[in-house]
């Protein structure tokens, strides 16, 4: 009995078998179309993300400048200059302390930045570093509580620096806040020991 009975066999002849894998036929127009679709997807994602994201608000971290001044007074025996009070909407956000060299505090207010620096550096170096390169002398300024007038300086961008002495220590009060605020800051400076 022939098992192949009832089964028809067809022999199909094909050409030689290629050893190379099949290739996708592409064209420049197809590639440009695919890139446009990809760019549209990316653009839609960015627009969706931007519409659903709130405004990022970064609040600078507040530093306790009075605690730092007390520490410098107690541990180093240093005479540090600090403001006895500042307006409620001012935040102390930075401290600079190198015993025997530099002591400084930076404040952020709704009107800008203000800082004070106690240093033995030359006037020219202090003004160039903390006020600006193109500094002009404005004239003497009377500060409440000061025994002698302070010297005012201003750069081309409107930043102001007031240079004077507090209990024999050279101090620079500087920043972008209005000059009247800097004068009040200078008038509140003291070297009294903090208890």
N, C-alpha and C. Protein backbone atom coordinates (compact mmCIF):
# COMPACT_ATOMS: atom_id res chain seq x y z
N UNK A 1 0.83 -1.15 0.00
CA UNK A 1 0.00 0.00 0.00
C UNK A 1 0.89 1.23 0.00
N UNK A 2 0.51 2.13 -0.84
CA UNK A 2 1.31 3.36 -0.96
C UNK A 2 0.71 4.43 -0.07
N UNK A 3 1.51 4.86 0.84
CA UNK A 3 1.04 5.86 1.81
C UNK A 3 0.81 7.19 1.11
N UNK A 4 1.50 7.42 0.06
CA UNK A 4 1.38 8.70 -0.61
C UNK A 4 0.15 8.75 -1.50
N UNK A 5 -0.59 7.70 -1.50
CA UNK A 5 -1.76 7.70 -2.36
C UNK A 5 -2.75 8.71 -1.85
N UNK A 6 -3.36 9.38 -2.70
CA UNK A 6 -4.33 10.39 -2.34
C UNK A 6 -3.72 11.72 -1.96
N UNK A 7 -2.44 11.79 -1.88
CA UNK A 7 -1.78 13.04 -1.53
C UNK A 7 -1.09 13.51 -2.79
N UNK A 8 -1.36 14.70 -3.13
CA UNK A 8 -0.67 15.19 -4.31
C UNK A 8 0.52 16.00 -3.88
N UNK A 9 1.55 15.71 -4.52
CA UNK A 9 2.81 16.40 -4.22
C UNK A 9 3.13 17.32 -5.36
N UNK A 10 3.48 18.51 -4.97
CA UNK A 10 3.88 19.45 -6.00
C UNK A 10 5.32 19.84 -5.72
N UNK A 11 6.06 19.80 -6.71
CA UNK A 11 7.45 20.20 -6.58
C UNK A 11 7.55 21.59 -7.17
N UNK A 12 8.07 22.42 -6.34
CA UNK A 12 8.20 23.81 -6.74
C UNK A 12 9.67 24.13 -6.83
N UNK A 13 10.04 24.61 -7.93
CA UNK A 13 11.44 24.97 -8.06
C UNK A 13 11.59 26.46 -7.81
N UNK A 14 12.56 26.81 -7.00
CA UNK A 14 12.87 28.21 -6.73
C UNK A 14 14.29 28.46 -7.20
N UNK A 15 14.58 29.71 -7.31
CA UNK A 15 15.91 30.09 -7.73
C UNK A 15 16.90 29.85 -6.60
N UNK A 16 18.10 30.26 -6.79
CA UNK A 16 19.11 30.06 -5.76
C UNK A 16 18.74 30.86 -4.49
N UNK A 17 19.04 30.29 -3.35
CA UNK A 17 18.74 30.92 -2.06
C UNK A 17 19.84 31.93 -1.75
N UNK A 18 19.40 33.14 -1.38
CA UNK A 18 20.36 34.19 -1.07
C UNK A 18 20.84 34.04 0.38
N UNK A 19 22.09 34.31 0.58
CA UNK A 19 22.67 34.23 1.92
C UNK A 19 22.47 35.54 2.69
N UNK A 20 22.01 36.60 2.06
CA UNK A 20 21.85 37.90 2.69
C UNK A 20 20.44 37.99 3.30
N UNK A 21 20.35 38.64 4.48
CA UNK A 21 19.02 38.81 5.07
C UNK A 21 18.20 39.80 4.24
N UNK A 22 16.89 39.76 4.41
CA UNK A 22 16.01 40.68 3.69
C UNK A 22 16.24 42.10 4.15
N UNK A 23 16.03 43.04 3.30
CA UNK A 23 16.26 44.45 3.63
C UNK A 23 14.96 45.21 3.47
N UNK A 24 14.78 46.16 4.39
CA UNK A 24 13.62 47.04 4.31
C UNK A 24 13.96 48.14 3.33
N UNK A 25 13.13 48.34 2.41
CA UNK A 25 13.36 49.39 1.42
C UNK A 25 12.91 50.73 2.01
N UNK A 26 13.81 51.69 2.10
CA UNK A 26 13.45 52.99 2.66
C UNK A 26 13.75 54.08 1.64
N UNK A 27 13.08 55.20 1.89
CA UNK A 27 13.30 56.33 1.00
C UNK A 27 13.51 57.57 1.87
N UNK A 28 14.03 58.59 1.26
CA UNK A 28 14.25 59.85 1.99
C UNK A 28 12.92 60.42 2.45
N UNK A 29 11.90 60.33 1.66
CA UNK A 29 10.58 60.86 2.04
C UNK A 29 10.03 60.08 3.24
N UNK A 30 10.24 58.79 3.29
CA UNK A 30 9.77 57.99 4.42
C UNK A 30 10.50 58.34 5.70
N UNK A 31 11.80 58.57 5.60
CA UNK A 31 12.57 58.95 6.79
C UNK A 31 12.16 60.32 7.30
N UNK A 32 11.94 61.26 6.40
CA UNK A 32 11.51 62.60 6.81
C UNK A 32 10.13 62.53 7.46
N UNK A 33 9.25 61.74 6.92
CA UNK A 33 7.92 61.56 7.51
C UNK A 33 8.01 60.97 8.90
N UNK A 34 8.86 59.97 9.09
CA UNK A 34 9.02 59.36 10.42
C UNK A 34 9.60 60.36 11.42
N UNK A 35 10.54 61.18 10.97
CA UNK A 35 11.12 62.19 11.86
C UNK A 35 10.08 63.23 12.25
N UNK A 36 9.23 63.63 11.30
CA UNK A 36 8.18 64.61 11.61
C UNK A 36 7.19 64.05 12.63
N UNK A 37 6.82 62.80 12.48
CA UNK A 37 5.91 62.16 13.44
C UNK A 37 6.56 62.13 14.82
N UNK A 38 7.84 61.78 14.89
CA UNK A 38 8.55 61.73 16.17
C UNK A 38 8.62 63.12 16.81
N UNK A 39 8.91 64.15 16.02
CA UNK A 39 8.97 65.51 16.54
C UNK A 39 7.60 65.97 17.04
N UNK A 40 6.53 65.59 16.35
CA UNK A 40 5.19 65.94 16.81
C UNK A 40 4.87 65.27 18.15
N UNK A 41 5.27 64.04 18.32
CA UNK A 41 5.04 63.33 19.58
C UNK A 41 5.82 64.00 20.71
N UNK A 42 7.08 64.34 20.46
CA UNK A 42 7.90 65.00 21.48
C UNK A 42 7.31 66.37 21.82
N UNK A 43 6.92 67.13 20.82
CA UNK A 43 6.33 68.45 21.06
C UNK A 43 5.04 68.36 21.86
N UNK A 44 4.20 67.37 21.56
CA UNK A 44 2.95 67.19 22.32
C UNK A 44 3.26 66.84 23.77
N UNK A 45 4.27 66.01 23.99
CA UNK A 45 4.63 65.64 25.37
C UNK A 45 5.13 66.85 26.15
N UNK A 46 5.99 67.64 25.53
CA UNK A 46 6.54 68.82 26.20
C UNK A 46 5.42 69.82 26.50
N UNK A 47 4.51 70.04 25.56
CA UNK A 47 3.40 70.97 25.79
C UNK A 47 2.49 70.46 26.91
N UNK A 48 2.19 69.18 26.91
CA UNK A 48 1.34 68.59 27.96
C UNK A 48 2.00 68.75 29.33
N UNK A 49 3.29 68.44 29.40
CA UNK A 49 4.01 68.55 30.67
C UNK A 49 4.06 69.99 31.16
N UNK A 50 4.27 70.93 30.24
CA UNK A 50 4.36 72.34 30.61
C UNK A 50 3.02 72.88 31.11
N UNK A 51 1.93 72.43 30.51
CA UNK A 51 0.60 72.89 30.94
C UNK A 51 0.21 72.33 32.29
N UNK A 52 0.72 71.19 32.66
CA UNK A 52 0.32 70.52 33.90
C UNK A 52 1.33 70.68 35.03
N UNK A 53 2.23 71.60 34.90
CA UNK A 53 3.25 71.78 35.92
C UNK A 53 3.10 73.17 36.52
N UNK A 54 3.15 73.24 37.84
CA UNK A 54 3.07 74.53 38.52
C UNK A 54 4.40 75.25 38.46
N UNK A 55 4.37 76.53 38.79
CA UNK A 55 5.58 77.34 38.79
C UNK A 55 6.47 76.90 39.95
N UNK A 56 7.72 76.68 39.66
CA UNK A 56 8.67 76.25 40.67
C UNK A 56 9.11 77.46 41.49
N UNK A 57 8.87 77.40 42.80
CA UNK A 57 9.28 78.48 43.68
C UNK A 57 10.34 77.95 44.63
N UNK A 58 11.48 78.60 44.60
CA UNK A 58 12.58 78.18 45.46
C UNK A 58 12.81 79.28 46.50
N UNK A 59 12.64 78.93 47.74
CA UNK A 59 12.89 79.86 48.83
C UNK A 59 14.29 79.61 49.36
N UNK A 60 15.11 80.65 49.45
CA UNK A 60 16.44 80.44 50.01
C UNK A 60 16.32 80.06 51.48
N UNK A 61 17.21 79.20 51.90
CA UNK A 61 17.20 78.75 53.29
C UNK A 61 17.67 79.88 54.20
N UNK A 62 16.96 80.07 55.28
CA UNK A 62 17.28 81.12 56.25
C UNK A 62 18.41 80.63 57.15
N UNK A 63 19.36 81.52 57.43
CA UNK A 63 20.44 81.20 58.37
C UNK A 63 20.28 82.07 59.62
N UNK A 64 20.70 81.54 60.74
CA UNK A 64 20.61 82.27 62.00
C UNK A 64 21.92 83.04 62.21
N UNK A 65 21.94 84.28 61.72
CA UNK A 65 23.18 85.06 61.79
C UNK A 65 23.52 85.45 63.22
N UNK A 66 22.52 85.59 64.09
CA UNK A 66 22.81 85.94 65.48
C UNK A 66 23.52 84.79 66.19
N UNK A 67 23.08 83.56 65.92
CA UNK A 67 23.75 82.40 66.53
C UNK A 67 25.18 82.29 66.00
N UNK A 68 25.38 82.56 64.72
CA UNK A 68 26.72 82.49 64.15
C UNK A 68 27.62 83.59 64.74
N UNK A 69 27.06 84.78 64.93
CA UNK A 69 27.84 85.87 65.53
C UNK A 69 28.20 85.54 66.97
N UNK A 70 27.25 84.97 67.72
CA UNK A 70 27.52 84.58 69.11
C UNK A 70 28.61 83.51 69.15
N UNK A 71 28.54 82.54 68.25
CA UNK A 71 29.56 81.49 68.19
C UNK A 71 30.94 82.09 67.91
N UNK A 72 31.01 83.02 66.95
CA UNK A 72 32.30 83.65 66.62
C UNK A 72 32.83 84.46 67.81
N UNK A 73 31.94 85.12 68.52
CA UNK A 73 32.36 85.89 69.70
C UNK A 73 32.89 84.97 70.79
N UNK A 74 32.19 83.87 71.03
CA UNK A 74 32.56 82.98 72.14
C UNK A 74 33.75 82.09 71.81
N UNK A 75 33.79 81.52 70.63
CA UNK A 75 34.84 80.55 70.32
C UNK A 75 36.14 81.21 69.87
N UNK A 76 36.03 82.27 69.09
CA UNK A 76 37.24 82.91 68.55
C UNK A 76 37.62 84.16 69.33
N UNK A 77 36.70 84.63 70.16
CA UNK A 77 36.94 85.90 70.84
C UNK A 77 36.97 87.05 69.87
N UNK A 78 36.35 86.87 68.71
CA UNK A 78 36.39 87.88 67.65
C UNK A 78 35.41 89.00 67.93
N UNK A 79 35.72 90.16 67.41
CA UNK A 79 34.78 91.27 67.42
C UNK A 79 34.06 91.25 66.08
N UNK A 80 32.83 90.79 66.10
CA UNK A 80 32.08 90.71 64.84
C UNK A 80 30.99 91.77 64.82
N UNK A 81 30.79 92.33 63.64
CA UNK A 81 29.77 93.34 63.43
C UNK A 81 28.54 92.65 62.88
N UNK A 82 27.38 92.97 63.46
CA UNK A 82 26.14 92.36 63.01
C UNK A 82 25.01 93.36 63.24
N UNK A 83 23.90 93.23 62.51
CA UNK A 83 22.78 94.13 62.75
C UNK A 83 21.99 93.66 63.96
N UNK A 84 21.67 94.59 64.84
CA UNK A 84 20.87 94.24 66.02
C UNK A 84 19.46 93.82 65.58
N UNK A 85 18.93 94.46 64.56
CA UNK A 85 17.62 94.11 64.01
C UNK A 85 17.63 94.34 62.51
N UNK A 86 16.76 93.62 61.83
CA UNK A 86 16.53 93.83 60.40
C UNK A 86 15.01 93.82 60.19
N UNK A 87 14.52 94.39 59.10
CA UNK A 87 13.08 94.35 58.84
C UNK A 87 12.57 92.90 58.78
N UNK A 88 11.30 92.73 59.13
CA UNK A 88 10.70 91.39 59.19
C UNK A 88 10.73 90.67 57.85
N UNK A 89 10.67 91.40 56.74
CA UNK A 89 10.65 90.74 55.43
C UNK A 89 12.05 90.52 54.84
N UNK A 90 13.09 90.74 55.63
CA UNK A 90 14.46 90.43 55.21
C UNK A 90 14.82 89.06 55.74
N UNK A 91 15.50 88.27 54.91
CA UNK A 91 15.96 86.94 55.31
C UNK A 91 17.47 86.87 55.21
N UNK A 92 18.11 86.48 56.29
CA UNK A 92 19.55 86.22 56.23
C UNK A 92 19.72 84.88 55.52
N UNK A 93 20.43 84.88 54.40
CA UNK A 93 20.55 83.66 53.60
C UNK A 93 21.98 83.17 53.43
N UNK A 94 22.96 83.98 53.83
CA UNK A 94 24.35 83.52 53.67
C UNK A 94 25.23 84.12 54.76
N UNK A 95 26.25 83.37 55.10
CA UNK A 95 27.26 83.81 56.06
C UNK A 95 28.63 83.56 55.48
N UNK A 96 29.54 84.45 55.76
CA UNK A 96 30.94 84.25 55.37
C UNK A 96 31.77 84.49 56.62
N UNK A 97 32.52 83.50 57.01
CA UNK A 97 33.29 83.63 58.25
C UNK A 97 34.65 82.95 58.10
N UNK A 98 35.67 83.77 58.13
CA UNK A 98 37.04 83.28 58.20
C UNK A 98 37.69 84.02 59.36
N UNK A 99 37.79 83.37 60.52
CA UNK A 99 38.27 84.07 61.73
C UNK A 99 39.55 84.86 61.48
N UNK A 100 39.52 86.10 61.95
CA UNK A 100 40.68 86.97 61.80
C UNK A 100 40.82 87.57 60.42
N UNK A 101 39.91 87.25 59.47
CA UNK A 101 40.04 87.71 58.10
C UNK A 101 38.77 88.39 57.60
N UNK A 102 37.67 87.64 57.56
CA UNK A 102 36.43 88.15 56.98
C UNK A 102 35.24 87.66 57.80
N UNK A 103 34.26 88.54 57.96
CA UNK A 103 32.97 88.18 58.54
C UNK A 103 31.92 88.88 57.70
N UNK A 104 30.90 88.16 57.26
CA UNK A 104 29.87 88.79 56.44
C UNK A 104 28.54 88.08 56.52
N UNK A 105 27.49 88.83 56.24
CA UNK A 105 26.12 88.30 56.23
C UNK A 105 25.44 88.82 54.97
N UNK A 106 24.68 87.95 54.30
CA UNK A 106 23.90 88.34 53.14
C UNK A 106 22.42 88.23 53.44
N UNK A 107 21.65 89.22 52.99
CA UNK A 107 20.20 89.26 53.21
C UNK A 107 19.48 89.35 51.87
N UNK A 108 18.32 88.70 51.79
CA UNK A 108 17.43 88.85 50.65
C UNK A 108 16.19 89.56 51.16
N UNK A 109 15.76 90.57 50.42
CA UNK A 109 14.56 91.32 50.78
C UNK A 109 13.65 91.39 49.55
N UNK A 110 12.42 91.84 49.72
CA UNK A 110 11.55 92.00 48.54
C UNK A 110 12.12 92.97 47.51
N UNK A 111 12.99 93.87 47.95
CA UNK A 111 13.55 94.87 47.04
C UNK A 111 14.92 94.51 46.48
N UNK A 112 15.46 93.35 46.85
CA UNK A 112 16.77 92.97 46.33
C UNK A 112 17.64 92.31 47.37
N UNK A 113 18.93 92.53 47.22
CA UNK A 113 19.93 91.90 48.06
C UNK A 113 20.67 92.96 48.86
N UNK A 114 21.03 92.61 50.10
CA UNK A 114 21.86 93.49 50.92
C UNK A 114 22.86 92.64 51.67
N UNK A 115 24.02 93.17 51.89
CA UNK A 115 25.03 92.42 52.62
C UNK A 115 25.91 93.34 53.43
N UNK A 116 26.57 92.75 54.40
CA UNK A 116 27.57 93.50 55.14
C UNK A 116 28.81 92.64 55.23
N UNK A 117 29.94 93.29 55.20
CA UNK A 117 31.21 92.59 55.22
C UNK A 117 32.18 93.36 56.11
N UNK A 118 32.78 92.64 57.02
CA UNK A 118 33.80 93.18 57.91
C UNK A 118 35.12 92.56 57.47
N UNK A 119 36.04 93.41 57.03
CA UNK A 119 37.29 92.89 56.47
C UNK A 119 38.39 93.94 56.57
N UNK A 120 39.62 93.46 56.61
CA UNK A 120 40.78 94.36 56.59
C UNK A 120 41.32 94.56 55.17
N UNK A 121 40.63 94.00 54.16
CA UNK A 121 41.07 94.18 52.77
C UNK A 121 41.04 95.66 52.41
N UNK A 122 41.75 95.99 51.35
CA UNK A 122 41.79 97.38 50.91
C UNK A 122 40.41 97.82 50.40
N UNK A 123 40.18 99.11 50.46
CA UNK A 123 38.90 99.66 49.98
C UNK A 123 38.67 99.29 48.52
N UNK A 124 39.70 99.41 47.69
CA UNK A 124 39.56 99.11 46.26
C UNK A 124 39.16 97.65 46.06
N UNK A 125 39.79 96.72 46.78
CA UNK A 125 39.46 95.30 46.64
C UNK A 125 38.03 95.02 47.08
N UNK A 126 37.63 95.58 48.21
CA UNK A 126 36.26 95.37 48.70
C UNK A 126 35.23 95.88 47.71
N UNK A 127 35.44 97.10 47.21
CA UNK A 127 34.48 97.69 46.29
C UNK A 127 34.41 96.91 44.98
N UNK A 128 35.54 96.51 44.45
CA UNK A 128 35.54 95.76 43.19
C UNK A 128 34.87 94.41 43.34
N UNK A 129 35.12 93.73 44.46
CA UNK A 129 34.57 92.40 44.67
C UNK A 129 33.08 92.43 44.98
N UNK A 130 32.63 93.36 45.81
CA UNK A 130 31.27 93.31 46.32
C UNK A 130 30.31 94.35 45.76
N UNK A 131 30.81 95.41 45.15
CA UNK A 131 29.92 96.42 44.58
C UNK A 131 29.97 96.38 43.06
N UNK A 132 31.15 96.39 42.48
CA UNK A 132 31.28 96.33 41.03
C UNK A 132 32.62 96.87 40.59
N UNK A 133 32.92 96.68 39.31
CA UNK A 133 34.22 97.11 38.79
C UNK A 133 34.26 98.61 38.51
N UNK A 134 33.18 99.16 38.01
CA UNK A 134 33.15 100.59 37.65
C UNK A 134 32.50 101.38 38.78
N UNK A 135 33.18 101.46 39.90
CA UNK A 135 32.63 102.12 41.09
C UNK A 135 33.06 103.58 41.12
N UNK A 136 32.09 104.44 41.41
CA UNK A 136 32.37 105.87 41.55
C UNK A 136 32.02 106.31 42.96
N UNK A 137 32.83 107.20 43.50
CA UNK A 137 32.57 107.74 44.83
C UNK A 137 31.42 108.73 44.74
N UNK A 138 30.41 108.53 45.58
CA UNK A 138 29.23 109.40 45.56
C UNK A 138 29.38 110.52 46.58
N UNK A 139 29.94 110.22 47.74
CA UNK A 139 30.14 111.23 48.76
C UNK A 139 29.84 110.69 50.13
N UNK A 140 30.05 111.50 51.14
CA UNK A 140 29.80 111.04 52.50
C UNK A 140 28.30 110.95 52.80
N UNK A 141 27.96 110.01 53.68
CA UNK A 141 26.58 109.78 54.07
C UNK A 141 26.53 109.73 55.59
N UNK A 142 25.57 110.46 56.17
CA UNK A 142 25.38 110.42 57.61
C UNK A 142 24.59 109.18 57.98
N UNK A 143 25.11 108.40 58.91
CA UNK A 143 24.45 107.19 59.38
C UNK A 143 24.05 107.41 60.84
N UNK A 144 22.79 107.14 61.16
CA UNK A 144 22.32 107.29 62.54
C UNK A 144 23.16 106.44 63.47
N UNK A 145 23.64 107.04 64.54
CA UNK A 145 24.42 106.31 65.53
C UNK A 145 25.90 106.24 65.23
N UNK A 146 26.32 106.63 64.03
CA UNK A 146 27.74 106.58 63.66
C UNK A 146 28.43 107.87 64.12
N UNK A 147 29.67 107.72 64.58
CA UNK A 147 30.42 108.90 65.04
C UNK A 147 31.01 109.69 63.88
N UNK A 148 31.21 109.04 62.75
CA UNK A 148 31.77 109.71 61.57
C UNK A 148 30.95 109.32 60.34
N UNK A 149 30.93 110.18 59.33
CA UNK A 149 30.18 109.83 58.12
C UNK A 149 30.78 108.60 57.41
N UNK A 150 29.93 107.88 56.73
CA UNK A 150 30.36 106.76 55.90
C UNK A 150 30.52 107.27 54.49
N UNK A 151 31.37 106.60 53.72
CA UNK A 151 31.60 106.98 52.34
C UNK A 151 30.71 106.12 51.44
N UNK A 152 29.97 106.74 50.53
CA UNK A 152 29.07 106.03 49.62
C UNK A 152 29.72 105.87 48.25
N UNK A 153 29.49 104.70 47.65
CA UNK A 153 30.00 104.38 46.31
C UNK A 153 28.86 103.75 45.51
N UNK A 154 28.94 103.90 44.19
CA UNK A 154 27.91 103.32 43.33
C UNK A 154 28.55 102.82 42.04
N UNK A 155 28.03 101.69 41.54
CA UNK A 155 28.53 101.20 40.25
C UNK A 155 27.53 101.58 39.16
N UNK A 156 27.86 101.27 37.93
CA UNK A 156 27.02 101.63 36.80
C UNK A 156 25.66 100.94 36.79
N UNK A 157 25.54 99.81 37.48
CA UNK A 157 24.29 99.06 37.49
C UNK A 157 23.35 99.44 38.61
N UNK A 158 23.71 100.43 39.42
CA UNK A 158 22.83 100.86 40.50
C UNK A 158 23.11 100.24 41.85
N UNK A 159 24.11 99.34 41.93
CA UNK A 159 24.47 98.79 43.23
C UNK A 159 25.20 99.85 44.04
N UNK A 160 24.94 99.84 45.35
CA UNK A 160 25.50 100.85 46.23
C UNK A 160 26.35 100.17 47.29
N UNK A 161 27.41 100.83 47.69
CA UNK A 161 28.24 100.37 48.79
C UNK A 161 28.49 101.51 49.75
N UNK A 162 28.36 101.23 51.03
CA UNK A 162 28.65 102.22 52.07
C UNK A 162 29.81 101.67 52.89
N UNK A 163 30.87 102.44 53.00
CA UNK A 163 32.06 102.01 53.73
C UNK A 163 32.26 102.89 54.94
N UNK A 164 32.39 102.25 56.11
CA UNK A 164 32.56 103.01 57.34
C UNK A 164 33.16 102.16 58.43
N UNK A 165 33.08 102.66 59.66
CA UNK A 165 33.62 101.94 60.80
C UNK A 165 32.54 101.73 61.85
N UNK A 166 32.59 100.56 62.49
CA UNK A 166 31.73 100.26 63.62
C UNK A 166 32.66 99.77 64.72
N UNK A 167 32.76 100.54 65.78
CA UNK A 167 33.63 100.21 66.91
C UNK A 167 35.05 99.87 66.45
N UNK A 168 35.58 100.68 65.54
CA UNK A 168 36.95 100.50 65.06
C UNK A 168 37.12 99.42 64.00
N UNK A 169 36.04 98.76 63.58
CA UNK A 169 36.10 97.72 62.56
C UNK A 169 35.64 98.28 61.22
N UNK A 170 36.42 98.05 60.15
CA UNK A 170 36.03 98.50 58.81
C UNK A 170 34.90 97.62 58.30
N UNK A 171 33.81 98.25 57.85
CA UNK A 171 32.62 97.52 57.40
C UNK A 171 32.15 98.08 56.07
N UNK A 172 31.78 97.17 55.19
CA UNK A 172 31.15 97.54 53.93
C UNK A 172 29.72 97.02 53.96
N UNK A 173 28.76 97.93 53.75
CA UNK A 173 27.35 97.56 53.60
C UNK A 173 27.04 97.80 52.13
N UNK A 174 26.51 96.81 51.44
CA UNK A 174 26.37 96.90 49.99
C UNK A 174 25.13 96.17 49.52
N UNK A 175 24.72 96.40 48.30
CA UNK A 175 23.61 95.64 47.73
C UNK A 175 22.83 96.40 46.69
N UNK A 176 21.72 95.76 46.29
CA UNK A 176 20.85 96.33 45.26
C UNK A 176 19.58 96.91 45.85
N UNK A 177 19.38 96.82 47.16
CA UNK A 177 18.21 97.44 47.79
C UNK A 177 18.37 98.95 47.73
N UNK A 178 17.31 99.70 47.96
CA UNK A 178 17.44 101.16 47.96
C UNK A 178 18.47 101.65 48.97
N UNK A 179 19.11 102.75 48.64
CA UNK A 179 20.17 103.29 49.49
C UNK A 179 19.69 103.58 50.90
N UNK A 180 18.43 103.99 51.05
CA UNK A 180 17.89 104.27 52.39
C UNK A 180 17.87 103.00 53.24
N UNK A 181 17.58 101.84 52.62
CA UNK A 181 17.60 100.57 53.36
C UNK A 181 19.02 100.22 53.79
N UNK A 182 19.99 100.49 52.93
CA UNK A 182 21.38 100.23 53.29
C UNK A 182 21.82 101.14 54.44
N UNK A 183 21.35 102.38 54.42
CA UNK A 183 21.70 103.30 55.50
C UNK A 183 21.09 102.83 56.83
N UNK A 184 19.85 102.34 56.79
CA UNK A 184 19.23 101.80 58.02
C UNK A 184 19.98 100.57 58.51
N UNK A 185 20.41 99.71 57.57
CA UNK A 185 21.20 98.53 57.96
C UNK A 185 22.50 98.97 58.62
N UNK A 186 23.18 99.94 58.03
CA UNK A 186 24.44 100.43 58.61
C UNK A 186 24.20 101.02 59.99
N UNK A 187 23.08 101.70 60.17
CA UNK A 187 22.79 102.32 61.46
C UNK A 187 22.43 101.32 62.54
N UNK A 188 22.05 100.09 62.14
CA UNK A 188 21.69 99.08 63.14
C UNK A 188 22.85 98.17 63.54
N UNK A 189 24.04 98.41 62.98
CA UNK A 189 25.18 97.53 63.23
C UNK A 189 25.76 97.75 64.63
N UNK A 190 26.19 96.66 65.22
CA UNK A 190 26.78 96.72 66.56
C UNK A 190 27.82 95.61 66.71
N UNK A 191 28.62 95.72 67.74
CA UNK A 191 29.58 94.65 68.09
C UNK A 191 29.30 94.15 69.50
N UNK A 192 28.16 94.52 70.07
CA UNK A 192 27.83 94.12 71.45
C UNK A 192 27.84 92.60 71.58
N UNK A 193 28.35 92.07 72.69
CA UNK A 193 28.29 90.62 72.91
C UNK A 193 26.84 90.13 72.95
N UNK A 194 26.61 88.99 72.31
CA UNK A 194 25.27 88.40 72.28
C UNK A 194 25.18 87.39 73.41
N UNK A 195 24.14 87.53 74.22
CA UNK A 195 23.99 86.59 75.33
C UNK A 195 23.05 85.47 74.97
